Amino acid sequence: MSPETLRRPALLAEALAANEEYLPAMEAYRQALESDLPRSHNGRRRLALGLGEVAHKLGQIETAIAALQDASQADPTGRAHPTQPSEAYDAAGLS
């Protein structure tokens, strides 16, 4: 599969999220995460962050927390938006 074909679900997810079309964006992020695209740590981190942000905006806090934990595992240095997991925990009443 060409690199352009692999990137399409990720680009679609980001475009949908930017347009505040969160439900379709969440599905596109999930499809992108299941593809061969996130083999790199940066790719997985970017997609997981996107999924976490969209889930958080939809009030799906458990999904947001899981996605943000996935993003932090993909980037153990903490450079992947370090405040977002805490925001999701706050929304869930877990902080």
PDB file of N, CA and C in Angstrom:
ATOM      1  N   MET A   1       0.843  -1.165   0.000  1.00  0.00           N
ATOM      2  CA  MET A   1       0.000   0.000   0.000  1.00  0.00           C
ATOM      3  C   MET A   1       0.895   1.237   0.000  1.00  0.00           C
ATOM      4  N   SER A   2       0.518   2.244  -0.761  1.00  0.00           N
ATOM      5  CA  SER A   2       1.342   3.448  -0.856  1.00  0.00           C
ATOM      6  C   SER A   2       1.242   4.274   0.424  1.00  0.00           C
ATOM      7  N   PRO A   3       2.271   5.065   0.720  1.00  0.00           N
ATOM      8  CA  PRO A   3       2.221   5.920   1.910  1.00  0.00           C
ATOM      9  C   PRO A   3       1.028   6.889   1.894  1.00  0.00           C
ATOM     10  N   GLU A   4       0.669   7.375   0.699  1.00  0.00           N
ATOM     11  CA  GLU A   4      -0.471   8.289   0.593  1.00  0.00           C
ATOM     12  C   GLU A   4      -1.763   7.590   1.001  1.00  0.00           C
ATOM     13  N   THR A   5      -1.922   6.352   0.596  1.00  0.00           N
ATOM     14  CA  THR A   5      -3.120   5.589   0.940  1.00  0.00           C
ATOM     15  C   THR A   5      -3.178   5.344   2.448  1.00  0.00           C
ATOM     16  N   LEU A   6      -2.029   5.073   3.044  1.00  0.00           N
ATOM     17  CA  LEU A   6      -1.984   4.839   4.488  1.00  0.00           C
ATOM     18  C   LEU A   6      -2.323   6.096   5.279  1.00  0.00           C
ATOM     19  N   ARG A   7      -1.945   7.254   4.767  1.00  0.00           N
ATOM     20  CA  ARG A   7      -2.175   8.510   5.496  1.00  0.00           C
ATOM     21  C   ARG A   7      -3.602   9.028   5.380  1.00  0.00           C
ATOM     22  N   ARG A   8      -4.377   8.559   4.416  1.00  0.00           N
ATOM     23  CA  ARG A   8      -5.722   9.101   4.192  1.00  0.00           C
ATOM     24  C   ARG A   8      -6.619   9.055   5.423  1.00  0.00           C
ATOM     25  N   PRO A   9      -6.731   7.919   6.135  1.00  0.00           N
ATOM     26  CA  PRO A   9      -7.611   7.921   7.308  1.00  0.00           C
ATOM     27  C   PRO A   9      -7.172   8.928   8.377  1.00  0.00           C
ATOM     28  N   ALA A  10      -5.880   9.102   8.559  1.00  0.00           N
ATOM     29  CA  ALA A  10      -5.382  10.057   9.552  1.00  0.00           C
ATOM     30  C   ALA A  10      -5.714  11.479   9.134  1.00  0.00           C
ATOM     31  N   LEU A  11      -5.495  11.802   7.878  1.00  0.00           N
ATOM     32  CA  LEU A  11      -5.807  13.142   7.395  1.00  0.00           C
ATOM     33  C   LEU A  11      -7.301  13.415   7.457  1.00  0.00           C
ATOM     34  N   LEU A  12      -8.092  12.416   7.119  1.00  0.00           N
ATOM     35  CA  LEU A  12      -9.547  12.555   7.203  1.00  0.00           C
ATOM     36  C   LEU A  12      -9.962  12.799   8.651  1.00  0.00           C
ATOM     37  N   ALA A  13      -9.415  12.032   9.576  1.00  0.00           N
ATOM     38  CA  ALA A  13      -9.750  12.186  10.995  1.00  0.00           C
ATOM     39  C   ALA A  13      -9.422  13.593  11.472  1.00  0.00           C
ATOM     40  N   GLU A  14      -8.256  14.085  11.112  1.00  0.00           N
ATOM     41  CA  GLU A  14      -7.855  15.424  11.538  1.00  0.00           C
ATOM     42  C   GLU A  14      -8.744  16.499  10.925  1.00  0.00           C
ATOM     43  N   ALA A  15      -9.111  16.322   9.658  1.00  0.00           N
ATOM     44  CA  ALA A  15      -9.995  17.296   9.003  1.00  0.00           C
ATOM     45  C   ALA A  15     -11.380  17.295   9.644  1.00  0.00           C
ATOM     46  N   LEU A  16     -11.908  16.111   9.924  1.00  0.00           N
ATOM     47  CA  LEU A  16     -13.217  16.023  10.566  1.00  0.00           C
ATOM     48  C   LEU A  16     -13.190  16.650  11.960  1.00  0.00           C
ATOM     49  N   ALA A  17     -12.138  16.396  12.710  1.00  0.00           N
ATOM     50  CA  ALA A  17     -12.016  16.981  14.046  1.00  0.00           C
ATOM     51  C   ALA A  17     -11.927  18.506  13.958  1.00  0.00           C
ATOM     52  N   ALA A  18     -11.173  19.013  12.995  1.00  0.00           N
ATOM     53  CA  ALA A  18     -11.044  20.458  12.826  1.00  0.00           C
ATOM     54  C   ALA A  18     -12.389  21.099  12.484  1.00  0.00           C
ATOM     55  N   ASN A  19     -13.241  20.349  11.803  1.00  0.00           N
ATOM     56  CA  ASN A  19     -14.582  20.844  11.458  1.00  0.00           C
ATOM     57  C   ASN A  19     -15.610  20.538  12.544  1.00  0.00           C
ATOM     58  N   GLU A  20     -15.138  20.052  13.677  1.00  0.00           N
ATOM     59  CA  GLU A  20     -15.991  19.709  14.820  1.00  0.00           C
ATOM     60  C   GLU A  20     -17.020  18.628  14.496  1.00  0.00           C
ATOM     61  N   GLU A  21     -16.657  17.742  13.591  1.00  0.00           N
ATOM     62  CA  GLU A  21     -17.473  16.565  13.268  1.00  0.00           C
ATOM     63  C   GLU A  21     -16.868  15.400  14.047  1.00  0.00           C
ATOM     64  N   TYR A  22     -17.157  15.383  15.344  1.00  0.00           N
ATOM     65  CA  TYR A  22     -16.426  14.527  16.255  1.00  0.00           C
ATOM     66  C   TYR A  22     -16.734  13.039  16.127  1.00  0.00           C
ATOM     67  N   LEU A  23     -17.986  12.671  15.918  1.00  0.00           N
ATOM     68  CA  LEU A  23     -18.289  11.230  15.789  1.00  0.00           C
ATOM     69  C   LEU A  23     -17.599  10.619  14.578  1.00  0.00           C
ATOM     70  N   PRO A  24     -17.730  11.220  13.382  1.00  0.00           N
ATOM     71  CA  PRO A  24     -16.990  10.642  12.249  1.00  0.00           C
ATOM     72  C   PRO A  24     -15.475  10.711  12.445  1.00  0.00           C
ATOM     73  N   ALA A  25     -15.000  11.764  13.126  1.00  0.00           N
ATOM     74  CA  ALA A  25     -13.560  11.873  13.377  1.00  0.00           C
ATOM     75  C   ALA A  25     -13.089  10.733  14.262  1.00  0.00           C
ATOM     76  N   MET A  26     -13.885  10.402  15.283  1.00  0.00           N
ATOM     77  CA  MET A  26     -13.494   9.317  16.180  1.00  0.00           C
ATOM     78  C   MET A  26     -13.385   8.004  15.409  1.00  0.00           C
ATOM     79  N   GLU A  27     -14.328   7.740  14.541  1.00  0.00           N
ATOM     80  CA  GLU A  27     -14.269   6.506  13.741  1.00  0.00           C
ATOM     81  C   GLU A  27     -13.050   6.518  12.816  1.00  0.00           C
ATOM     82  N   ALA A  28     -12.769   7.658  12.220  1.00  0.00           N
ATOM     83  CA  ALA A  28     -11.605   7.750  11.332  1.00  0.00           C
ATOM     84  C   ALA A  28     -10.305   7.563  12.111  1.00  0.00           C
ATOM     85  N   TYR A  29     -10.227   8.126  13.316  1.00  0.00           N
ATOM     86  CA  TYR A  29      -9.029   7.909  14.143  1.00  0.00           C
ATOM     87  C   TYR A  29      -8.876   6.426  14.484  1.00  0.00           C
ATOM     88  N   ARG A  30      -9.973   5.777  14.814  1.00  0.00           N
ATOM     89  CA  ARG A  30      -9.889   4.344  15.141  1.00  0.00           C
ATOM     90  C   ARG A  30      -9.413   3.534  13.937  1.00  0.00           C
ATOM     91  N   GLN A  31      -9.946   3.844  12.755  1.00  0.00           N
ATOM     92  CA  GLN A  31      -9.506   3.146  11.555  1.00  0.00           C
ATOM     93  C   GLN A  31      -8.025   3.388  11.289  1.00  0.00           C
ATOM     94  N   ALA A  32      -7.599   4.621  11.480  1.00  0.00           N
ATOM     95  CA  ALA A  32      -6.185   4.940  11.255  1.00  0.00           C
ATOM     96  C   ALA A  32      -5.287   4.198  12.247  1.00  0.00           C
ATOM     97  N   LEU A  33      -5.723   4.106  13.502  1.00  0.00           N
ATOM     98  CA  LEU A  33      -4.933   3.389  14.502  1.00  0.00           C
ATOM     99  C   LEU A  33      -4.855   1.893  14.212  1.00  0.00           C
ATOM    100  N   GLU A  34      -5.872   1.358  13.541  1.00  0.00           N
ATOM    101  CA  GLU A  34      -5.872  -0.067  13.203  1.00  0.00           C
ATOM    102  C   GLU A  34      -5.101  -0.361  11.921  1.00  0.00           C
ATOM    103  N   SER A  35      -4.721   0.679  11.184  1.00  0.00           N
ATOM    104  CA  SER A  35      -3.997   0.495   9.930  1.00  0.00           C
ATOM    105  C   SER A  35      -2.509   0.296  10.204  1.00  0.00           C
ATOM    106  N   ASP A  36      -1.737   0.215   9.135  1.00  0.00           N
ATOM    107  CA  ASP A  36      -0.286   0.091   9.257  1.00  0.00           C
ATOM    108  C   ASP A  36       0.395   1.428   9.515  1.00  0.00           C
ATOM    109  N   LEU A  37      -0.350   2.521   9.480  1.00  0.00           N
ATOM    110  CA  LEU A  37       0.231   3.850   9.628  1.00  0.00           C
ATOM    111  C   LEU A  37       0.940   4.064  10.961  1.00  0.00           C
ATOM    112  N   PRO A  38       0.342   3.686  12.102  1.00  0.00           N
ATOM    113  CA  PRO A  38       0.974   4.066  13.367  1.00  0.00           C
ATOM    114  C   PRO A  38       2.139   3.186  13.800  1.00  0.00           C
ATOM    115  N   ARG A  39       2.891   2.663  12.870  1.00  0.00           N
ATOM    116  CA  ARG A  39       4.025   1.817  13.259  1.00  0.00           C
ATOM    117  C   ARG A  39       5.120   2.617  13.939  1.00  0.00           C
ATOM    118  N   SER A  40       5.226   3.885  13.572  1.00  0.00           N
ATOM    119  CA  SER A  40       6.220   4.725  14.258  1.00  0.00           C
ATOM    120  C   SER A  40       5.603   5.255  15.547  1.00  0.00           C
ATOM    121  N   HIS A  41       6.472   5.584  16.506  1.00  0.00           N
ATOM    122  CA  HIS A  41       5.986   6.137  17.767  1.00  0.00           C
ATOM    123  C   HIS A  41       5.273   7.464  17.527  1.00  0.00           C
ATOM    124  N   ASN A  42       5.820   8.292  16.633  1.00  0.00           N
ATOM    125  CA  ASN A  42       5.199   9.585  16.367  1.00  0.00           C
ATOM    126  C   ASN A  42       3.825   9.429  15.740  1.00  0.00           C
ATOM    127  N   GLY A  43       3.690   8.489  14.813  1.00  0.00           N
ATOM    128  CA  GLY A  43       2.393   8.259  14.177  1.00  0.00           C
ATOM    129  C   GLY A  43       1.354   7.782  15.175  1.00  0.00           C
ATOM    130  N   ARG A  44       1.728   6.847  16.007  1.00  0.00           N
ATOM    131  CA  ARG A  44       0.798   6.332  17.010  1.00  0.00           C
ATOM    132  C   ARG A  44       0.434   7.423  18.014  1.00  0.00           C
ATOM    133  N   ARG A  45       1.422   8.180  18.464  1.00  0.00           N
ATOM    134  CA  ARG A  45       1.163   9.255  19.423  1.00  0.00           C
ATOM    135  C   ARG A  45       0.196  10.274  18.845  1.00  0.00           C
ATOM    136  N   ARG A  46       0.433  10.687  17.616  1.00  0.00           N
ATOM    137  CA  ARG A  46      -0.418  11.697  16.971  1.00  0.00           C
ATOM    138  C   ARG A  46      -1.858  11.216  16.848  1.00  0.00           C
ATOM    139  N   LEU A  47      -2.037   9.975  16.402  1.00  0.00           N
ATOM    140  CA  LEU A  47      -3.385   9.430  16.244  1.00  0.00           C
ATOM    141  C   LEU A  47      -4.075   9.230  17.586  1.00  0.00           C
ATOM    142  N   ALA A  48      -3.344   8.719  18.564  1.00  0.00           N
ATOM    143  CA  ALA A  48      -3.936   8.488  19.879  1.00  0.00           C
ATOM    144  C   ALA A  48      -4.321   9.811  20.540  1.00  0.00           C
ATOM    145  N   LEU A  49      -3.485  10.836  20.378  1.00  0.00           N
ATOM    146  CA  LEU A  49      -3.827  12.157  20.909  1.00  0.00           C
ATOM    147  C   LEU A  49      -5.099  12.680  20.262  1.00  0.00           C
ATOM    148  N   GLY A  50      -5.184  12.529  18.954  1.00  0.00           N
ATOM    149  CA  GLY A  50      -6.376  12.987  18.244  1.00  0.00           C
ATOM    150  C   GLY A  50      -7.618  12.268  18.727  1.00  0.00           C
ATOM    151  N   LEU A  51      -7.527  10.955  18.862  1.00  0.00           N
ATOM    152  CA  LEU A  51      -8.661  10.180  19.359  1.00  0.00           C
ATOM    153  C   LEU A  51      -9.020  10.619  20.773  1.00  0.00           C
ATOM    154  N   GLY A  52      -8.035  10.826  21.613  1.00  0.00           N
ATOM    155  CA  GLY A  52      -8.288  11.257  22.977  1.00  0.00           C
ATOM    156  C   GLY A  52      -8.967  12.613  23.044  1.00  0.00           C
ATOM    157  N   GLU A  53      -8.512  13.540  22.218  1.00  0.00           N
ATOM    158  CA  GLU A  53      -9.119  14.877  22.200  1.00  0.00           C
ATOM    159  C   GLU A  53     -10.575  14.815  21.750  1.00  0.00           C
ATOM    160  N   VAL A  54     -10.824  14.051  20.685  1.00  0.00           N
ATOM    161  CA  VAL A  54     -12.184  13.944  20.158  1.00  0.00           C
ATOM    162  C   VAL A  54     -13.097  13.246  21.171  1.00  0.00           C
ATOM    163  N   ALA A  55     -12.620  12.172  21.767  1.00  0.00           N
ATOM    164  CA  ALA A  55     -13.424  11.460  22.763  1.00  0.00           C
ATOM    165  C   ALA A  55     -13.733  12.374  23.944  1.00  0.00           C
ATOM    166  N   HIS A  56     -12.756  13.162  24.359  1.00  0.00           N
ATOM    167  CA  HIS A  56     -12.963  14.093  25.464  1.00  0.00           C
ATOM    168  C   HIS A  56     -14.044  15.113  25.110  1.00  0.00           C
ATOM    169  N   LYS A  57     -14.005  15.644  23.909  1.00  0.00           N
ATOM    170  CA  LYS A  57     -15.013  16.617  23.479  1.00  0.00           C
ATOM    171  C   LYS A  57     -16.404  15.999  23.408  1.00  0.00           C
ATOM    172  N   LEU A  58     -16.465  14.700  23.140  1.00  0.00           N
ATOM    173  CA  LEU A  58     -17.747  14.002  23.090  1.00  0.00           C
ATOM    174  C   LEU A  58     -18.211  13.539  24.467  1.00  0.00           C
ATOM    175  N   GLY A  59     -17.398  13.763  25.475  1.00  0.00           N
ATOM    176  CA  GLY A  59     -17.760  13.332  26.817  1.00  0.00           C
ATOM    177  C   GLY A  59     -17.532  11.851  27.056  1.00  0.00           C
ATOM    178  N   GLN A  60     -16.791  11.205  26.169  1.00  0.00           N
ATOM    179  CA  GLN A  60     -16.469   9.785  26.320  1.00  0.00           C
ATOM    180  C   GLN A  60     -15.134   9.689  27.060  1.00  0.00           C
ATOM    181  N   ILE A  61     -15.216   9.918  28.347  1.00  0.00           N
ATOM    182  CA  ILE A  61     -14.026  10.113  29.162  1.00  0.00           C
ATOM    183  C   ILE A  61     -13.171   8.860  29.263  1.00  0.00           C
ATOM    184  N   GLU A  62     -13.792   7.688  29.396  1.00  0.00           N
ATOM    185  CA  GLU A  62     -13.002   6.446  29.490  1.00  0.00           C
ATOM    186  C   GLU A  62     -12.200   6.225  28.213  1.00  0.00           C
ATOM    187  N   THR A  63     -12.820   6.483  27.066  1.00  0.00           N
ATOM    188  CA  THR A  63     -12.114   6.351  25.787  1.00  0.00           C
ATOM    189  C   THR A  63     -10.993   7.376  25.711  1.00  0.00           C
ATOM    190  N   ALA A  64     -11.273   8.602  26.168  1.00  0.00           N
ATOM    191  CA  ALA A  64     -10.256   9.652  26.142  1.00  0.00           C
ATOM    192  C   ALA A  64      -9.051   9.268  26.995  1.00  0.00           C
ATOM    193  N   ILE A  65      -9.319   8.776  28.183  1.00  0.00           N
ATOM    194  CA  ILE A  65      -8.228   8.392  29.084  1.00  0.00           C
ATOM    195  C   ILE A  65      -7.403   7.265  28.472  1.00  0.00           C
ATOM    196  N   ALA A  66      -8.067   6.256  27.933  1.00  0.00           N
ATOM    197  CA  ALA A  66      -7.341   5.134  27.317  1.00  0.00           C
ATOM    198  C   ALA A  66      -6.488   5.602  26.147  1.00  0.00           C
ATOM    199  N   ALA A  67      -7.048   6.473  25.310  1.00  0.00           N
ATOM    200  CA  ALA A  67      -6.301   6.967  24.150  1.00  0.00           C
ATOM    201  C   ALA A  67      -5.117   7.819  24.585  1.00  0.00           C
ATOM    202  N   LEU A  68      -5.319   8.665  25.586  1.00  0.00           N
ATOM    203  CA  LEU A  68      -4.233   9.518  26.051  1.00  0.00           C
ATOM    204  C   LEU A  68      -3.152   8.716  26.762  1.00  0.00           C
ATOM    205  N   GLN A  69      -3.541   7.634  27.433  1.00  0.00           N
ATOM    206  CA  GLN A  69      -2.535   6.744  28.010  1.00  0.00           C
ATOM    207  C   GLN A  69      -1.736   6.058  26.906  1.00  0.00           C
ATOM    208  N   ASP A  70      -2.420   5.677  25.831  1.00  0.00           N
ATOM    209  CA  ASP A  70      -1.745   5.088  24.678  1.00  0.00           C
ATOM    210  C   ASP A  70      -0.744   6.087  24.096  1.00  0.00           C
ATOM    211  N   ALA A  71      -1.163   7.343  23.978  1.00  0.00           N
ATOM    212  CA  ALA A  71      -0.268   8.374  23.448  1.00  0.00           C
ATOM    213  C   ALA A  71       0.941   8.563  24.343  1.00  0.00           C
ATOM    214  N   SER A  72       0.732   8.542  25.649  1.00  0.00           N
ATOM    215  CA  SER A  72       1.869   8.734  26.547  1.00  0.00           C
ATOM    216  C   SER A  72       2.805   7.535  26.531  1.00  0.00           C
ATOM    217  N   GLN A  73       2.285   6.344  26.280  1.00  0.00           N
ATOM    218  CA  GLN A  73       3.159   5.165  26.148  1.00  0.00           C
ATOM    219  C   GLN A  73       3.968   5.236  24.866  1.00  0.00           C
ATOM    220  N   ALA A  74       3.367   5.811  23.824  1.00  0.00           N
ATOM    221  CA  ALA A  74       4.088   5.963  22.565  1.00  0.00           C
ATOM    222  C   ALA A  74       5.163   7.035  22.679  1.00  0.00           C
ATOM    223  N   ASP A  75       5.009   7.958  23.638  1.00  0.00           N
ATOM    224  CA  ASP A  75       5.985   9.018  23.860  1.00  0.00           C
ATOM    225  C   ASP A  75       6.244   9.141  25.357  1.00  0.00           C
ATOM    226  N   PRO A  76       7.071   8.263  25.921  1.00  0.00           N
ATOM    227  CA  PRO A  76       7.310   8.278  27.354  1.00  0.00           C
ATOM    228  C   PRO A  76       8.036   9.525  27.854  1.00  0.00           C
ATOM    229  N   THR A  77       8.520  10.375  26.941  1.00  0.00           N
ATOM    230  CA  THR A  77       9.195  11.604  27.365  1.00  0.00           C
ATOM    231  C   THR A  77       8.214  12.642  27.887  1.00  0.00           C
ATOM    232  N   GLY A  78       6.911  12.453  27.606  1.00  0.00           N
ATOM    233  CA  GLY A  78       5.898  13.384  28.088  1.00  0.00           C
ATOM    234  C   GLY A  78       5.694  14.589  27.211  1.00  0.00           C
ATOM    235  N   ARG A  79       6.289  14.595  26.040  1.00  0.00           N
ATOM    236  CA  ARG A  79       6.136  15.744  25.149  1.00  0.00           C
ATOM    237  C   ARG A  79       4.774  15.763  24.469  1.00  0.00           C
ATOM    238  N   ALA A  80       3.983  14.723  24.628  1.00  0.00           N
ATOM    239  CA  ALA A  80       2.707  14.598  23.931  1.00  0.00           C
ATOM    240  C   ALA A  80       1.588  15.250  24.723  1.00  0.00           C
ATOM    241  N   HIS A  81       1.543  16.566  24.728  1.00  0.00           N
ATOM    242  CA  HIS A  81       0.490  17.316  25.427  1.00  0.00           C
ATOM    243  C   HIS A  81       0.330  16.826  26.867  1.00  0.00           C
ATOM    244  N   PRO A  82       1.250  17.137  27.724  1.00  0.00           N
ATOM    245  CA  PRO A  82       1.241  16.574  29.080  1.00  0.00           C
ATOM    246  C   PRO A  82       0.020  16.931  29.917  1.00  0.00           C
ATOM    247  N   THR A  83      -0.722  17.989  29.596  1.00  0.00           N
ATOM    248  CA  THR A  83      -1.865  18.355  30.436  1.00  0.00           C
ATOM    249  C   THR A  83      -3.138  17.623  30.058  1.00  0.00           C
ATOM    250  N   GLN A  84      -3.223  17.083  28.854  1.00  0.00           N
ATOM    251  CA  GLN A  84      -4.476  16.481  28.418  1.00  0.00           C
ATOM    252  C   GLN A  84      -4.924  15.287  29.244  1.00  0.00           C
ATOM    253  N   PRO A  85      -4.047  14.360  29.609  1.00  0.00           N
ATOM    254  CA  PRO A  85      -4.545  13.263  30.458  1.00  0.00           C
ATOM    255  C   PRO A  85      -5.138  13.772  31.758  1.00  0.00           C
ATOM    256  N   SER A  86      -4.534  14.791  32.350  1.00  0.00           N
ATOM    257  CA  SER A  86      -5.078  15.301  33.602  1.00  0.00           C
ATOM    258  C   SER A  86      -6.440  15.945  33.396  1.00  0.00           C
ATOM    259  N   GLU A  87      -6.664  16.590  32.248  1.00  0.00           N
ATOM    260  CA  GLU A  87      -7.971  17.166  31.955  1.00  0.00           C
ATOM    261  C   GLU A  87      -9.021  16.075  31.841  1.00  0.00           C
ATOM    262  N   ALA A  88      -8.668  14.972  31.216  1.00  0.00           N
ATOM    263  CA  ALA A  88      -9.612  13.862  31.083  1.00  0.00           C
ATOM    264  C   ALA A  88      -9.911  13.239  32.447  1.00  0.00           C
ATOM    265  N   TYR A  89      -8.885  13.093  33.276  1.00  0.00           N
ATOM    266  CA  TYR A  89      -9.110  12.564  34.627  1.00  0.00           C
ATOM    267  C   TYR A  89     -10.007  13.515  35.431  1.00  0.00           C
ATOM    268  N   ASP A  90      -9.768  14.829  35.290  1.00  0.00           N
ATOM    269  CA  ASP A  90     -10.616  15.801  35.984  1.00  0.00           C
ATOM    270  C   ASP A  90     -12.078  15.656  35.542  1.00  0.00           C
ATOM    271  N   ALA A  91     -12.296  15.514  34.248  1.00  0.00           N
ATOM    272  CA  ALA A  91     -13.662  15.383  33.724  1.00  0.00           C
ATOM    273  C   ALA A  91     -14.343  14.125  34.239  1.00  0.00           C
ATOM    274  N   ALA A  92     -13.535  13.103  34.492  1.00  0.00           N
ATOM    275  CA  ALA A  92     -14.096  11.844  34.999  1.00  0.00           C
ATOM    276  C   ALA A  92     -14.235  11.862  36.520  1.00  0.00           C
ATOM    277  N   GLY A  93     -13.747  12.931  37.158  1.00  0.00           N
ATOM    278  CA  GLY A  93     -13.802  12.996  38.613  1.00  0.00           C
ATOM    279  C   GLY A  93     -12.795  12.084  39.281  1.00  0.00           C
ATOM    280  N   LEU A  94     -11.701  11.790  38.584  1.00  0.00           N
ATOM    281  CA  LEU A  94     -10.706  10.850  39.106  1.00  0.00           C
ATOM    282  C   LEU A  94      -9.454  11.543  39.639  1.00  0.00           C
ATOM    283  N   SER A  95      -9.442  12.854  39.633  1.00  0.00           N
ATOM    284  CA  SER A  95      -8.222  13.521  40.118  1.00  0.00           C
ATOM    285  C   SER A  95      -8.367  13.984  41.541  1.00  0.00           C
TER     286      SER A  95
END
